PDB file of N, CA and C in Angstrom:
ATOM      1  N   MET A   1      93.167 102.851 113.819  1.00  0.00           N
ATOM      2  CA  MET A   1      92.090 102.825 112.597  1.00  0.00           C
ATOM      3  C   MET A   1      93.110 101.576 112.036  1.00  0.00           C
ATOM      4  N   ALA A   2      91.713 100.776 111.409  1.00  0.00           N
ATOM      5  CA  ALA A   2      92.170  99.697 110.704  1.00  0.00           C
ATOM      6  C   ALA A   2      91.775  99.826 109.240  1.00  0.00           C
ATOM      7  N   ASP A   3      92.723  99.769 108.496  1.00  0.00           N
ATOM      8  CA  ASP A   3      92.642 100.078 106.914  1.00  0.00           C
ATOM      9  C   ASP A   3      92.780  98.759 106.510  1.00  0.00           C
ATOM     10  N   ASN A   4      91.931  98.255 105.350  1.00  0.00           N
ATOM     11  CA  ASN A   4      91.576  97.246 104.416  1.00  0.00           C
ATOM     12  C   ASN A   4      92.139  97.562 102.730  1.00  0.00           C
ATOM     13  N   HIS A   5      93.468  97.154 102.781  1.00  0.00           N
ATOM     14  CA  HIS A   5      93.901  97.529 101.203  1.00  0.00           C
ATOM     15  C   HIS A   5      93.717  96.245 100.315  1.00  0.00           C
ATOM     16  N   THR A   6      92.868  95.412 100.578  1.00  0.00           N
ATOM     17  CA  THR A   6      93.062  94.360  99.599  1.00  0.00           C
ATOM     18  C   THR A   6      92.644  94.370  98.577  1.00  0.00           C
ATOM     19  N   ARG A   7      91.774  95.548  98.233  1.00  0.00           N
ATOM     20  CA  ARG A   7      91.306  95.729  97.143  1.00  0.00           C
ATOM     21  C   ARG A   7      92.128  96.314  95.756  1.00  0.00           C
ATOM     22  N   SER A   8      93.512  96.829  96.437  1.00  0.00           N
ATOM     23  CA  SER A   8      94.388  97.460  95.230  1.00  0.00           C
ATOM     24  C   SER A   8      94.631  96.415  94.156  1.00  0.00           C
ATOM     25  N   ALA A   9      94.864  96.960  93.189  1.00  0.00           N
ATOM     26  CA  ALA A   9      94.915  96.047  91.919  1.00  0.00           C
ATOM     27  C   ALA A   9      96.145  95.384  92.006  1.00  0.00           C
ATOM     28  N   THR A  10      96.246  94.143  91.694  1.00  0.00           N
ATOM     29  CA  THR A  10      97.498  93.373  91.408  1.00  0.00           C
ATOM     30  C   THR A  10      97.182  92.976  89.956  1.00  0.00           C
ATOM     31  N   TYR A  11      98.095  92.421  89.122  1.00  0.00           N
ATOM     32  CA  TYR A  11      98.047  92.108  87.688  1.00  0.00           C
ATOM     33  C   TYR A  11      98.738  90.233  87.681  1.00  0.00           C
ATOM     34  N   ARG A  12      98.269  90.191  86.213  1.00  0.00           N
ATOM     35  CA  ARG A  12      98.844  89.040  85.864  1.00  0.00           C
ATOM     36  C   ARG A  12      99.106  89.650  84.021  1.00  0.00           C
ATOM     37  N   THR A  13     100.410  89.285  83.573  1.00  0.00           N
ATOM     38  CA  THR A  13     100.967  89.166  82.656  1.00  0.00           C
ATOM     39  C   THR A  13     101.373  88.244  81.538  1.00  0.00           C
ATOM     40  N   THR A  14     100.973  88.432  80.470  1.00  0.00           N
ATOM     41  CA  THR A  14     100.632  87.306  79.227  1.00  0.00           C
ATOM     42  C   THR A  14     100.991  87.896  78.070  1.00  0.00           C
ATOM     43  N   ARG A  15     101.958  86.839  77.243  1.00  0.00           N
ATOM     44  CA  ARG A  15     102.376  87.504  75.687  1.00  0.00           C
ATOM     45  C   ARG A  15     101.514  86.291  74.939  1.00  0.00           C
ATOM     46  N   THR A  16     100.763  87.210  73.696  1.00  0.00           N
ATOM     47  CA  THR A  16     100.316  86.470  72.685  1.00  0.00           C
ATOM     48  C   THR A  16     101.260  86.117  71.548  1.00  0.00           C
ATOM     49  N   ASP A  17     101.041  85.160  70.794  1.00  0.00           N
ATOM     50  CA  ASP A  17     102.059  84.991  69.765  1.00  0.00           C
ATOM     51  C   ASP A  17     102.322  85.958  68.995  1.00  0.00           C
ATOM     52  N   GLY A  18     101.573  87.122  68.615  1.00  0.00           N
ATOM     53  CA  GLY A  18     102.048  88.399  67.885  1.00  0.00           C
ATOM     54  C   GLY A  18     102.976  89.021  68.449  1.00  0.00           C
ATOM     55  N   GLY A  19     103.553  88.849  69.591  1.00  0.00           N
ATOM     56  CA  GLY A  19     104.320  89.559  70.727  1.00  0.00           C
ATOM     57  C   GLY A  19     103.587  90.774  71.248  1.00  0.00           C
ATOM     58  N   THR A  20     102.062  90.369  71.358  1.00  0.00           N
ATOM     59  CA  THR A  20     101.356  91.690  72.266  1.00  0.00           C
ATOM     60  C   THR A  20     101.589  91.126  73.887  1.00  0.00           C
ATOM     61  N   THR A  21     102.062  92.246  74.579  1.00  0.00           N
ATOM     62  CA  THR A  21     101.861  92.032  76.077  1.00  0.00           C
ATOM     63  C   THR A  21     100.484  92.564  76.370  1.00  0.00           C
ATOM     64  N   VAL A  22      99.840  91.585  77.326  1.00  0.00           N
ATOM     65  CA  VAL A  22      98.829  91.785  77.813  1.00  0.00           C
ATOM     66  C   VAL A  22      98.823  91.884  79.299  1.00  0.00           C
ATOM     67  N   VAL A  23      98.403  92.833  80.118  1.00  0.00           N
ATOM     68  CA  VAL A  23      98.437  92.804  81.478  1.00  0.00           C
ATOM     69  C   VAL A  23      97.044  92.808  82.172  1.00  0.00           C
ATOM     70  N   THR A  24      96.463  92.013  82.600  1.00  0.00           N
ATOM     71  CA  THR A  24      95.326  92.178  83.289  1.00  0.00           C
ATOM     72  C   THR A  24      95.108  92.635  84.880  1.00  0.00           C
ATOM     73  N   LEU A  25      94.806  93.686  85.138  1.00  0.00           N
ATOM     74  CA  LEU A  25      94.566  94.315  86.278  1.00  0.00           C
ATOM     75  C   LEU A  25      93.458  93.489  87.056  1.00  0.00           C
ATOM     76  N   HIS A  26      93.610  93.455  88.274  1.00  0.00           N
ATOM     77  CA  HIS A  26      92.192  93.080  89.011  1.00  0.00           C
ATOM     78  C   HIS A  26      92.743  93.831  90.271  1.00  0.00           C
ATOM     79  N   GLY A  27      91.219  94.556  91.021  1.00  0.00           N
ATOM     80  CA  GLY A  27      91.082  95.218  91.733  1.00  0.00           C
ATOM     81  C   GLY A  27      91.109  96.829  91.867  1.00  0.00           C
ATOM     82  N   ASP A  28      91.551  97.579  92.619  1.00  0.00           N
ATOM     83  CA  ASP A  28      91.025  98.733  92.321  1.00  0.00           C
ATOM     84  C   ASP A  28      92.730  99.655  91.877  1.00  0.00           C
ATOM     85  N   LEU A  29      92.530 100.491  90.638  1.00  0.00           N
ATOM     86  CA  LEU A  29      93.749 101.044  90.492  1.00  0.00           C
ATOM     87  C   LEU A  29      93.772 102.408  91.304  1.00  0.00           C
ATOM     88  N   ASP A  30      94.561 102.032  92.470  1.00  0.00           N
ATOM     89  CA  ASP A  30      94.741 103.567  93.516  1.00  0.00           C
ATOM     90  C   ASP A  30      96.021 103.893  93.771  1.00  0.00           C
ATOM     91  N   LEU A  31      95.919 104.603  94.742  1.00  0.00           N
ATOM     92  CA  LEU A  31      97.234 105.378  95.350  1.00  0.00           C
ATOM     93  C   LEU A  31      97.919 103.947  95.679  1.00  0.00           C
ATOM     94  N   LEU A  32      97.495 102.951  96.163  1.00  0.00           N
ATOM     95  CA  LEU A  32      98.382 101.828  96.924  1.00  0.00           C
ATOM     96  C   LEU A  32      98.741 100.927  95.949  1.00  0.00           C
ATOM     97  N   ALA A  33      98.349 100.846  94.782  1.00  0.00           N
ATOM     98  CA  ALA A  33      98.566  99.858  93.694  1.00  0.00           C
ATOM     99  C   ALA A  33      99.610 100.717  92.850  1.00  0.00           C
ATOM    100  N   VAL A  34      99.415 102.035  93.002  1.00  0.00           N
ATOM    101  CA  VAL A  34     100.401 102.664  91.649  1.00  0.00           C
ATOM    102  C   VAL A  34     101.914 102.076  91.862  1.00  0.00           C
ATOM    103  N   PRO A  35     102.700 101.996  92.889  1.00  0.00           N
ATOM    104  CA  PRO A  35     104.083 101.948  93.261  1.00  0.00           C
ATOM    105  C   PRO A  35     104.489 100.372  92.393  1.00  0.00           C
ATOM    106  N   VAL A  36     103.825  99.455  92.865  1.00  0.00           N
ATOM    107  CA  VAL A  36     103.969  98.003  92.307  1.00  0.00           C
ATOM    108  C   VAL A  36     104.005  98.175  90.742  1.00  0.00           C
ATOM    109  N   LEU A  37     102.271  98.853  90.324  1.00  0.00           N
ATOM    110  CA  LEU A  37     102.218  98.654  89.142  1.00  0.00           C
ATOM    111  C   LEU A  37     103.229  99.588  88.315  1.00  0.00           C
ATOM    112  N   SER A  38     103.578 100.505  88.651  1.00  0.00           N
ATOM    113  CA  SER A  38     104.698 101.424  87.846  1.00  0.00           C
ATOM    114  C   SER A  38     105.830 100.863  87.454  1.00  0.00           C
ATOM    115  N   VAL A  39     106.204 100.092  88.573  1.00  0.00           N
ATOM    116  CA  VAL A  39     107.881  99.056  88.141  1.00  0.00           C
ATOM    117  C   VAL A  39     107.444  98.274  87.087  1.00  0.00           C
ATOM    118  N   ALA A  40     105.940  97.683  87.150  1.00  0.00           N
ATOM    119  CA  ALA A  40     105.977  96.491  86.345  1.00  0.00           C
ATOM    120  C   ALA A  40     105.726  97.213  84.905  1.00  0.00           C
ATOM    121  N   LEU A  41     104.861  98.274  84.842  1.00  0.00           N
ATOM    122  CA  LEU A  41     104.798  98.842  83.578  1.00  0.00           C
ATOM    123  C   LEU A  41     105.946  99.709  82.926  1.00  0.00           C
ATOM    124  N   ASP A  42     106.880  99.966  83.969  1.00  0.00           N
ATOM    125  CA  ASP A  42     107.982 100.600  83.405  1.00  0.00           C
ATOM    126  C   ASP A  42     109.110  99.534  82.593  1.00  0.00           C
ATOM    127  N   ASP A  43     109.140  98.290  83.359  1.00  0.00           N
ATOM    128  CA  ASP A  43     109.601  97.373  82.687  1.00  0.00           C
ATOM    129  C   ASP A  43     108.928  96.831  81.433  1.00  0.00           C
ATOM    130  N   LEU A  44     107.809  96.993  81.465  1.00  0.00           N
ATOM    131  CA  LEU A  44     107.361  96.534  80.107  1.00  0.00           C
ATOM    132  C   LEU A  44     107.286  97.458  78.866  1.00  0.00           C
ATOM    133  N   THR A  45     107.404  98.650  79.200  1.00  0.00           N
ATOM    134  CA  THR A  45     107.272  99.738  78.393  1.00  0.00           C
ATOM    135  C   THR A  45     108.783 100.166  78.065  1.00  0.00           C
ATOM    136  N   SER A  46     109.926  99.422  78.676  1.00  0.00           N
ATOM    137  CA  SER A  46     111.434 100.011  78.047  1.00  0.00           C
ATOM    138  C   SER A  46     111.856  99.442  76.827  1.00  0.00           C
ATOM    139  N   GLY A  47     111.489  98.633  76.318  1.00  0.00           N
ATOM    140  CA  GLY A  47     112.185  98.419  74.993  1.00  0.00           C
ATOM    141  C   GLY A  47     111.743  98.947  73.855  1.00  0.00           C
ATOM    142  N   ALA A  48     111.873  98.988  72.874  1.00  0.00           N
ATOM    143  CA  ALA A  48     111.774  99.560  71.444  1.00  0.00           C
ATOM    144  C   ALA A  48     110.499  99.263  71.146  1.00  0.00           C
ATOM    145  N   ALA A  49     109.423 100.077  70.866  1.00  0.00           N
ATOM    146  CA  ALA A  49     108.148  99.551  70.300  1.00  0.00           C
ATOM    147  C   ALA A  49     107.194  98.592  70.822  1.00  0.00           C
ATOM    148  N   PRO A  50     107.060  98.659  72.314  1.00  0.00           N
ATOM    149  CA  PRO A  50     106.289  97.950  73.007  1.00  0.00           C
ATOM    150  C   PRO A  50     104.747  98.198  72.648  1.00  0.00           C
ATOM    151  N   ASP A  51     104.215  96.617  72.722  1.00  0.00           N
ATOM    152  CA  ASP A  51     102.949  96.487  72.130  1.00  0.00           C
ATOM    153  C   ASP A  51     102.246  95.884  73.453  1.00  0.00           C
ATOM    154  N   LEU A  52     101.337  96.892  73.893  1.00  0.00           N
ATOM    155  CA  LEU A  52     100.902  96.653  75.468  1.00  0.00           C
ATOM    156  C   LEU A  52      99.378  96.836  75.180  1.00  0.00           C
ATOM    157  N   VAL A  53      98.540  95.555  75.921  1.00  0.00           N
ATOM    158  CA  VAL A  53      97.248  95.846  76.218  1.00  0.00           C
ATOM    159  C   VAL A  53      97.079  95.891  77.631  1.00  0.00           C
ATOM    160  N   LEU A  54      96.641  96.727  78.311  1.00  0.00           N
ATOM    161  CA  LEU A  54      95.968  96.756  79.508  1.00  0.00           C
ATOM    162  C   LEU A  54      94.716  96.356  79.780  1.00  0.00           C
ATOM    163  N   ASP A  55      94.346  95.343  80.212  1.00  0.00           N
ATOM    164  CA  ASP A  55      92.727  94.859  80.575  1.00  0.00           C
ATOM    165  C   ASP A  55      92.416  95.311  81.653  1.00  0.00           C
ATOM    166  N   LEU A  56      91.677  96.335  81.559  1.00  0.00           N
ATOM    167  CA  LEU A  56      90.993  96.672  83.152  1.00  0.00           C
ATOM    168  C   LEU A  56      89.666  96.460  83.322  1.00  0.00           C
ATOM    169  N   SER A  57      89.129  95.421  82.576  1.00  0.00           N
ATOM    170  CA  SER A  57      87.752  94.867  82.779  1.00  0.00           C
ATOM    171  C   SER A  57      87.573  94.630  84.045  1.00  0.00           C
ATOM    172  N   PRO A  58      88.407  93.929  85.067  1.00  0.00           N
ATOM    173  CA  PRO A  58      88.323  93.659  86.359  1.00  0.00           C
ATOM    174  C   PRO A  58      88.531  94.661  87.339  1.00  0.00           C
ATOM    175  N   VAL A  59      88.670  95.723  86.945  1.00  0.00           N
ATOM    176  CA  VAL A  59      89.191  96.932  87.773  1.00  0.00           C
ATOM    177  C   VAL A  59      87.800  97.762  88.096  1.00  0.00           C
ATOM    178  N   PRO A  60      87.144  97.809  89.331  1.00  0.00           N
ATOM    179  CA  PRO A  60      86.418  98.469  89.793  1.00  0.00           C
ATOM    180  C   PRO A  60      86.451 100.135  89.789  1.00  0.00           C
ATOM    181  N   PHE A  61      87.627 100.312  90.227  1.00  0.00           N
ATOM    182  CA  PHE A  61      87.649 101.889  90.693  1.00  0.00           C
ATOM    183  C   PHE A  61      89.038 102.221  90.295  1.00  0.00           C
ATOM    184  N   VAL A  62      89.198 103.704  89.632  1.00  0.00           N
ATOM    185  CA  VAL A  62      90.224 104.260  89.487  1.00  0.00           C
ATOM    186  C   VAL A  62      90.349 105.572  89.927  1.00  0.00           C
ATOM    187  N   ASP A  63      91.483 105.889  90.667  1.00  0.00           N
ATOM    188  CA  ASP A  63      91.649 107.222  90.826  1.00  0.00           C
ATOM    189  C   ASP A  63      92.571 108.076  90.280  1.00  0.00           C
ATOM    190  N   CYS A  64      92.890 109.237  90.697  1.00  0.00           N
ATOM    191  CA  CYS A  64      93.688 110.119  90.099  1.00  0.00           C
ATOM    192  C   CYS A  64      95.339 109.643  89.822  1.00  0.00           C
ATOM    193  N   SER A  65      95.587 108.821  91.026  1.00  0.00           N
ATOM    194  CA  SER A  65      96.885 108.453  90.618  1.00  0.00           C
ATOM    195  C   SER A  65      97.255 107.247  89.525  1.00  0.00           C
ATOM    196  N   GLY A  66      96.034 106.601  89.711  1.00  0.00           N
ATOM    197  CA  GLY A  66      95.584 105.507  88.856  1.00  0.00           C
ATOM    198  C   GLY A  66      95.730 105.891  87.249  1.00  0.00           C
ATOM    199  N   LEU A  67      94.748 107.232  87.247  1.00  0.00           N
ATOM    200  CA  LEU A  67      94.837 107.725  85.745  1.00  0.00           C
ATOM    201  C   LEU A  67      96.460 108.226  85.184  1.00  0.00           C
ATOM    202  N   GLY A  68      96.998 108.685  86.488  1.00  0.00           N
ATOM    203  CA  GLY A  68      98.451 109.114  86.411  1.00  0.00           C
ATOM    204  C   GLY A  68      99.535 107.976  85.555  1.00  0.00           C
ATOM    205  N   LEU A  69      99.185 106.914  86.305  1.00  0.00           N
ATOM    206  CA  LEU A  69      99.752 105.781  85.989  1.00  0.00           C
ATOM    207  C   LEU A  69      99.489 105.315  84.812  1.00  0.00           C
ATOM    208  N   LEU A  70      98.301 105.470  84.030  1.00  0.00           N
ATOM    209  CA  LEU A  70      97.836 105.286  82.744  1.00  0.00           C
ATOM    210  C   LEU A  70      98.530 106.210  81.657  1.00  0.00           C
ATOM    211  N   CYS A  71      98.408 107.048  82.203  1.00  0.00           N
ATOM    212  CA  CYS A  71      99.324 108.424  81.233  1.00  0.00           C
ATOM    213  C   CYS A  71     100.620 108.347  80.905  1.00  0.00           C
ATOM    214  N   ARG A  72     101.316 107.866  82.096  1.00  0.00           N
ATOM    215  CA  ARG A  72     102.676 107.490  82.124  1.00  0.00           C
ATOM    216  C   ARG A  72     102.871 106.274  81.085  1.00  0.00           C
ATOM    217  N   ALA A  73     102.311 105.235  81.253  1.00  0.00           N
ATOM    218  CA  ALA A  73     102.410 104.265  80.342  1.00  0.00           C
ATOM    219  C   ALA A  73     102.119 104.849  79.122  1.00  0.00           C
ATOM    220  N   ARG A  74     101.089 105.504  78.433  1.00  0.00           N
ATOM    221  CA  ARG A  74     101.000 105.994  77.427  1.00  0.00           C
ATOM    222  C   ARG A  74     102.008 106.515  76.611  1.00  0.00           C
ATOM    223  N   ASN A  75     102.324 107.600  77.638  1.00  0.00           N
ATOM    224  CA  ASN A  75     103.551 108.562  77.139  1.00  0.00           C
ATOM    225  C   ASN A  75     104.945 107.519  76.881  1.00  0.00           C
ATOM    226  N   ARG A  76     105.058 106.803  77.768  1.00  0.00           N
ATOM    227  CA  ARG A  76     106.272 105.680  77.579  1.00  0.00           C
ATOM    228  C   ARG A  76     106.236 105.085  75.944  1.00  0.00           C
ATOM    229  N   VAL A  77     105.240 104.521  75.907  1.00  0.00           N
ATOM    230  CA  VAL A  77     104.783 103.579  74.612  1.00  0.00           C
ATOM    231  C   VAL A  77     104.914 104.446  73.577  1.00  0.00           C
ATOM    232  N   ARG A  78     104.209 105.579  73.457  1.00  0.00           N
ATOM    233  CA  ARG A  78     104.597 106.784  72.422  1.00  0.00           C
ATOM    234  C   ARG A  78     105.775 106.968  72.055  1.00  0.00           C
ATOM    235  N   TYR A  79     106.850 107.361  73.348  1.00  0.00           N
ATOM    236  CA  TYR A  79     107.876 107.759  72.954  1.00  0.00           C
ATOM    237  C   TYR A  79     108.686 106.922  72.418  1.00  0.00           C
ATOM    238  N   ARG A  80     108.560 105.364  72.548  1.00  0.00           N
ATOM    239  CA  ARG A  80     109.287 104.399  71.872  1.00  0.00           C
ATOM    240  C   ARG A  80     108.455 104.018  70.660  1.00  0.00           C
ATOM    241  N   GLY A  81     107.722 104.515  70.210  1.00  0.00           N
ATOM    242  CA  GLY A  81     107.241 104.233  68.958  1.00  0.00           C
ATOM    243  C   GLY A  81     106.300 102.988  69.101  1.00  0.00           C
ATOM    244  N   GLY A  82     105.669 102.463  70.149  1.00  0.00           N
ATOM    245  CA  GLY A  82     104.961 101.314  70.483  1.00  0.00           C
ATOM    246  C   GLY A  82     103.497 101.908  70.284  1.00  0.00           C
ATOM    247  N   ARG A  83     102.593 100.623  70.818  1.00  0.00           N
ATOM    248  CA  ARG A  83     101.109 101.002  70.846  1.00  0.00           C
ATOM    249  C   ARG A  83     100.564 100.479  72.271  1.00  0.00           C
ATOM    250  N   LEU A  84      99.728 101.328  72.693  1.00  0.00           N
ATOM    251  CA  LEU A  84      99.120 100.679  74.020  1.00  0.00           C
ATOM    252  C   LEU A  84      97.585 100.828  73.856  1.00  0.00           C
ATOM    253  N   ARG A  85      97.003  99.831  74.249  1.00  0.00           N
ATOM    254  CA  ARG A  85      95.113  99.747  74.069  1.00  0.00           C
ATOM    255  C   ARG A  85      94.865  99.090  75.402  1.00  0.00           C
ATOM    256  N   LEU A  86      94.020  99.902  75.870  1.00  0.00           N
ATOM    257  CA  LEU A  86      92.807  99.564  77.122  1.00  0.00           C
ATOM    258  C   LEU A  86      91.809  98.933  76.923  1.00  0.00           C
ATOM    259  N   VAL A  87      91.363  98.090  77.471  1.00  0.00           N
ATOM    260  CA  VAL A  87      90.000  97.231  77.542  1.00  0.00           C
ATOM    261  C   VAL A  87      89.673  97.621  78.723  1.00  0.00           C
ATOM    262  N   THR A  88      88.301  97.912  78.464  1.00  0.00           N
ATOM    263  CA  THR A  88      87.310  98.626  79.413  1.00  0.00           C
ATOM    264  C   THR A  88      85.700  98.584  79.020  1.00  0.00           C
ATOM    265  N   PRO A  89      85.169  97.593  79.314  1.00  0.00           N
ATOM    266  CA  PRO A  89      83.639  97.830  79.076  1.00  0.00           C
ATOM    267  C   PRO A  89      82.775  98.761  80.013  1.00  0.00           C
ATOM    268  N   ASP A  90      83.445  99.522  80.683  1.00  0.00           N
ATOM    269  CA  ASP A  90      82.737 100.327  81.716  1.00  0.00           C
ATOM    270  C   ASP A  90      82.541 101.601  81.323  1.00  0.00           C
ATOM    271  N   ASP A  91      81.450 102.111  81.330  1.00  0.00           N
ATOM    272  CA  ASP A  91      80.939 103.230  80.631  1.00  0.00           C
ATOM    273  C   ASP A  91      81.425 104.345  81.690  1.00  0.00           C
ATOM    274  N   ASP A  92      81.342 104.153  83.060  1.00  0.00           N
ATOM    275  CA  ASP A  92      81.781 105.011  84.159  1.00  0.00           C
ATOM    276  C   ASP A  92      83.595 105.569  83.631  1.00  0.00           C
ATOM    277  N   PHE A  93      84.105 104.529  83.454  1.00  0.00           N
ATOM    278  CA  PHE A  93      85.348 104.728  83.179  1.00  0.00           C
ATOM    279  C   PHE A  93      85.689 105.540  81.971  1.00  0.00           C
ATOM    280  N   ARG A  94      84.742 105.200  80.771  1.00  0.00           N
ATOM    281  CA  ARG A  94      85.108 106.287  79.943  1.00  0.00           C
ATOM    282  C   ARG A  94      84.590 107.818  80.260  1.00  0.00           C
ATOM    283  N   ARG A  95      83.524 107.787  81.043  1.00  0.00           N
ATOM    284  CA  ARG A  95      83.094 109.278  81.563  1.00  0.00           C
ATOM    285  C   ARG A  95      83.895 109.714  81.970  1.00  0.00           C
ATOM    286  N   LEU A  96      84.944 108.874  83.107  1.00  0.00           N
ATOM    287  CA  LEU A  96      85.655 109.656  83.775  1.00  0.00           C
ATOM    288  C   LEU A  96      86.903 110.251  83.135  1.00  0.00           C
ATOM    289  N   LEU A  97      87.291 109.687  81.934  1.00  0.00           N
ATOM    290  CA  LEU A  97      88.091 110.051  81.014  1.00  0.00           C
ATOM    291  C   LEU A  97      88.071 111.063  80.198  1.00  0.00           C
ATOM    292  N   ARG A  98      86.654 111.080  79.837  1.00  0.00           N
ATOM    293  CA  ARG A  98      85.727 112.494  79.139  1.00  0.00           C
ATOM    294  C   ARG A  98      86.277 113.696  79.969  1.00  0.00           C
ATOM    295  N   ARG A  99      85.738 113.560  81.463  1.00  0.00           N
ATOM    296  CA  ARG A  99      85.311 114.705  82.395  1.00  0.00           C
ATOM    297  C   ARG A  99      87.048 115.159  82.840  1.00  0.00           C
ATOM    298  N   THR A 100      87.985 114.130  82.555  1.00  0.00           N
ATOM    299  CA  THR A 100      89.202 114.773  82.943  1.00  0.00           C
ATOM    300  C   THR A 100      89.980 115.144  81.525  1.00  0.00           C
ATOM    301  N   GLY A 101      89.381 115.211  80.545  1.00  0.00           N
ATOM    302  CA  GLY A 101      90.278 115.681  79.385  1.00  0.00           C
ATOM    303  C   GLY A 101      90.915 114.624  78.536  1.00  0.00           C
ATOM    304  N   LEU A 102      90.589 113.389  79.348  1.00  0.00           N
ATOM    305  CA  LEU A 102      91.577 112.191  78.556  1.00  0.00           C
ATOM    306  C   LEU A 102      90.621 111.225  77.648  1.00  0.00           C
ATOM    307  N   GLY A 103      89.694 111.665  77.067  1.00  0.00           N
ATOM    308  CA  GLY A 103      88.687 111.090  76.366  1.00  0.00           C
ATOM    309  C   GLY A 103      89.592 110.629  74.980  1.00  0.00           C
ATOM    310  N   ASP A 104      90.162 111.517  74.399  1.00  0.00           N
ATOM    311  CA  ASP A 104      91.079 111.117  72.984  1.00  0.00           C
ATOM    312  C   ASP A 104      92.582 110.543  73.163  1.00  0.00           C
ATOM    313  N   ALA A 105      92.889 110.249  74.654  1.00  0.00           N
ATOM    314  CA  ALA A 105      94.277 110.000  74.920  1.00  0.00           C
ATOM    315  C   ALA A 105      94.358 108.500  74.672  1.00  0.00           C
ATOM    316  N   PHE A 106      93.513 107.631  74.798  1.00  0.00           N
ATOM    317  CA  PHE A 106      93.537 106.274  74.798  1.00  0.00           C
ATOM    318  C   PHE A 106      92.880 105.463  73.856  1.00  0.00           C
ATOM    319  N   ASP A 107      93.667 104.509  73.216  1.00  0.00           N
ATOM    320  CA  ASP A 107      92.508 103.335  72.581  1.00  0.00           C
ATOM    321  C   ASP A 107      91.745 102.639  73.343  1.00  0.00           C
ATOM    322  N   LEU A 108      90.212 102.800  73.101  1.00  0.00           N
ATOM    323  CA  LEU A 108      89.739 101.966  74.156  1.00  0.00           C
ATOM    324  C   LEU A 108      88.989 100.692  73.215  1.00  0.00           C
ATOM    325  N   TYR A 109      88.796  99.779  73.959  1.00  0.00           N
ATOM    326  CA  TYR A 109      88.127  98.576  73.530  1.00  0.00           C
ATOM    327  C   TYR A 109      87.183  97.783  74.621  1.00  0.00           C
ATOM    328  N   PRO A 110      86.155  97.632  74.022  1.00  0.00           N
ATOM    329  CA  PRO A 110      85.139  96.749  74.883  1.00  0.00           C
ATOM    330  C   PRO A 110      85.576  95.232  75.837  1.00  0.00           C
ATOM    331  N   GLY A 111      86.597  94.629  74.559  1.00  0.00           N
ATOM    332  CA  GLY A 111      86.585  93.386  75.503  1.00  0.00           C
ATOM    333  C   GLY A 111      88.240  93.179  74.868  1.00  0.00           C
ATOM    334  N   LEU A 112      88.850  91.997  75.571  1.00  0.00           N
ATOM    335  CA  LEU A 112      90.002  91.723  74.974  1.00  0.00           C
ATOM    336  C   LEU A 112      90.188  91.120  73.720  1.00  0.00           C
ATOM    337  N   PRO A 113      89.155  90.305  73.103  1.00  0.00           N
ATOM    338  CA  PRO A 113      89.279  90.134  71.584  1.00  0.00           C
ATOM    339  C   PRO A 113      89.617  91.088  70.557  1.00  0.00           C
ATOM    340  N   GLU A 114      89.102  92.402  70.732  1.00  0.00           N
ATOM    341  CA  GLU A 114      88.695  93.328  69.994  1.00  0.00           C
ATOM    342  C   GLU A 114      89.914  93.969  69.988  1.00  0.00           C
ATOM    343  N   ALA A 115      90.538  94.300  71.271  1.00  0.00           N
ATOM    344  CA  ALA A 115      91.773  94.781  71.432  1.00  0.00           C
ATOM    345  C   ALA A 115      92.999  94.201  70.509  1.00  0.00           C
ATOM    346  N   LEU A 116      92.842  93.092  70.847  1.00  0.00           N
ATOM    347  CA  LEU A 116      93.891  92.086  70.347  1.00  0.00           C
ATOM    348  C   LEU A 116      93.861  91.918  68.389  1.00  0.00           C
ATOM    349  N   ALA A 117      92.521  91.942  67.945  1.00  0.00           N
ATOM    350  CA  ALA A 117      92.492  91.641  66.516  1.00  0.00           C
ATOM    351  C   ALA A 117      92.867  92.865  65.875  1.00  0.00           C
ATOM    352  N   ASP A 118      93.516  92.799  64.685  1.00  0.00           N
ATOM    353  CA  ASP A 118      93.966  93.667  63.636  1.00  0.00           C
ATOM    354  C   ASP A 118      93.361  94.166  62.962  1.00  0.00           C
ATOM    355  N   GLY A 119      93.337  95.488  62.721  1.00  0.00           N
ATOM    356  CA  GLY A 119      92.581  96.636  62.002  1.00  0.00           C
ATOM    357  C   GLY A 119      91.357  97.046  62.853  1.00  0.00           C
ATOM    358  N   ASP A 120      91.064  96.638  63.781  1.00  0.00           N
ATOM    359  CA  ASP A 120      89.861  97.370  64.717  1.00  0.00           C
ATOM    360  C   ASP A 120      89.916  98.417  64.822  1.00  0.00           C
ATOM    361  N   ALA A 121      89.207  99.426  64.858  1.00  0.00           N
ATOM    362  CA  ALA A 121      89.223 100.748  65.474  1.00  0.00           C
ATOM    363  C   ALA A 121      88.798 100.888  66.650  1.00  0.00           C
ATOM    364  N   PRO A 122      89.377 101.594  67.583  1.00  0.00           N
ATOM    365  CA  PRO A 122      89.342 101.779  69.105  1.00  0.00           C
ATOM    366  C   PRO A 122      87.486 102.230  69.313  1.00  0.00           C
ATOM    367  N   VAL A 123      86.890 101.923  70.182  1.00  0.00           N
ATOM    368  CA  VAL A 123      85.753 102.364  70.402  1.00  0.00           C
ATOM    369  C   VAL A 123      85.748 103.771  70.671  1.00  0.00           C
ATOM    370  N   PRO A 124      84.818 104.361  70.306  1.00  0.00           N
ATOM    371  CA  PRO A 124      85.093 106.051  70.433  1.00  0.00           C
ATOM    372  C   PRO A 124      84.160 106.184  72.008  1.00  0.00           C
ATOM    373  N   VAL A 125      85.077 107.492  72.644  1.00  0.00           N
ATOM    374  CA  VAL A 125      84.526 107.428  73.979  1.00  0.00           C
ATOM    375  C   VAL A 125      83.399 108.377  74.164  1.00  0.00           C
ATOM    376  N   ALA A 126      82.896 108.892  73.107  1.00  0.00           N
ATOM    377  CA  ALA A 126      81.810 110.315  72.825  1.00  0.00           C
ATOM    378  C   ALA A 126      80.702 109.214  73.777  1.00  0.00           C
TER     379      ALA A 126
END
């Protein structure tokens, strides 16, 4: 059985002048991607008041382990008094969040500029 796991998510991390950390994920956010991404996100959420933006725009697929990873990051950020924003223009992902009861769990933005702008409210999931 030949498996091709090249679509599992990889990431690139950048920091803005304001101290916000932006992590752009590429590929599927699935069971195979979670171990590597967990280590990276745990590191990024280990300090006091982390300010983290996860750009999911290039992510075509999220499975239940990917949702678990996002929830873990959210919980770690909240516990440390920080902020987590998700960037996703994907209506299917918003629908997935609603159907899993996570519709109000994340601040969602349609694009990176909106997520980084101060004072902008998250896009409603409804």
